[in-house]
Amino acid sequence: MSVFVVTWNLNKEKSNYNNARTEFIQQLERYDNKQDSGLESVRFISTGSTADQVDAFLRRKLDTNDRLFVSQLN
């Protein structure tokens, strides 16, 4: 298992921002994860997947103008 730091920014808040955020968080929570209490858009996840696989999985719930950062911790 690897540990990754994941951070995101949902840009251009639209009328459906709350729904988009909820759907993204639900996607993220399919992984074993810990939230950083001081940083709303940062999670640490544990998975057997690669960084590219995590990135692709999470991007399913993002718009093209949103930002996502996934990095494996060593």
Protein backbone atom coordinates (compact mmCIF):
# COMPACT_ATOMS: atom_id res chain seq x y z
CA MET A 1 0.00 0.00 0.00
CA SER A 2 1.13 3.52 -0.78
CA VAL A 3 0.17 6.82 0.82
CA PHE A 4 -0.71 9.80 -1.36
CA VAL A 5 -1.45 13.42 -0.66
CA VAL A 6 -4.41 14.69 -2.67
CA THR A 7 -5.40 18.33 -2.98
CA TRP A 8 -7.93 19.96 -5.26
CA ASN A 9 -9.61 23.20 -6.24
CA LEU A 10 -13.06 23.31 -7.81
CA ASN A 11 -12.86 26.46 -9.94
CA LYS A 12 -15.59 28.72 -11.24
CA GLU A 13 -18.20 28.06 -8.64
CA LYS A 14 -21.49 27.54 -10.41
CA SER A 15 -24.96 27.13 -9.03
CA ASN A 16 -24.22 23.40 -8.64
CA TYR A 17 -20.95 23.91 -6.72
CA ASN A 18 -22.19 22.23 -3.52
CA ASN A 19 -23.40 19.20 -5.46
CA ALA A 20 -20.14 18.99 -7.44
CA ARG A 21 -18.11 19.21 -4.23
CA THR A 22 -20.22 16.52 -2.55
CA GLU A 23 -19.84 14.17 -5.53
CA PHE A 24 -16.07 14.69 -5.60
CA ILE A 25 -15.74 14.04 -1.85
CA GLN A 26 -17.83 10.87 -2.18
CA GLN A 27 -15.50 9.69 -4.97
CA LEU A 28 -12.46 10.48 -2.81
CA GLU A 29 -13.91 8.68 0.18
CA ARG A 30 -13.91 5.40 -1.71
CA TYR A 31 -10.27 5.32 -0.62
CA ASP A 32 -9.08 4.83 2.95
CA ASN A 33 -8.33 8.47 3.80
CA LYS A 34 -7.58 11.01 6.49
CA GLN A 35 -8.61 14.64 6.29
CA ASP A 36 -6.27 17.40 7.38
CA SER A 37 -8.39 19.35 9.87
CA GLY A 38 -6.77 22.66 8.96
CA LEU A 39 -6.86 22.26 5.18
CA GLU A 40 -10.32 21.64 3.73
CA SER A 41 -9.13 20.44 0.33
CA VAL A 42 -6.29 18.13 1.42
CA ARG A 43 -6.56 14.40 2.10
CA PHE A 44 -4.08 11.64 2.68
CA ILE A 45 -5.13 8.34 1.11
CA SER A 46 -3.84 4.80 1.34
CA THR A 47 -4.24 2.51 -1.66
CA GLY A 48 -2.55 -0.11 -3.79
CA SER A 49 -3.21 2.06 -6.86
CA THR A 50 -0.63 4.25 -8.60
CA ALA A 51 -0.72 8.06 -8.56
CA ASP A 52 -1.93 8.01 -12.18
CA GLN A 53 -4.75 5.62 -11.31
CA VAL A 54 -5.84 7.75 -8.35
CA ASP A 55 -5.70 10.87 -10.51
CA ALA A 56 -7.80 9.29 -13.28
CA PHE A 57 -10.35 7.93 -10.80
CA LEU A 58 -10.83 11.27 -9.05
CA ARG A 59 -10.95 13.30 -12.28
CA ARG A 60 -14.17 11.49 -13.19
CA LYS A 61 -15.95 13.94 -10.86
CA LEU A 62 -14.12 17.12 -11.92
CA ASP A 63 -14.74 19.69 -14.64
CA THR A 64 -11.95 20.52 -17.08
CA ASN A 65 -11.28 23.83 -15.30
CA ASP A 66 -10.86 22.21 -11.85
CA ARG A 67 -7.42 21.39 -10.45
CA LEU A 68 -6.16 18.20 -8.83
CA PHE A 69 -2.76 17.31 -7.36
CA VAL A 70 -1.87 13.71 -6.43
CA SER A 71 1.58 12.81 -5.12
CA GLN A 72 2.93 9.65 -3.53
CA LEU A 73 4.61 10.15 -0.17
CA ASN A 74 7.83 8.30 0.55
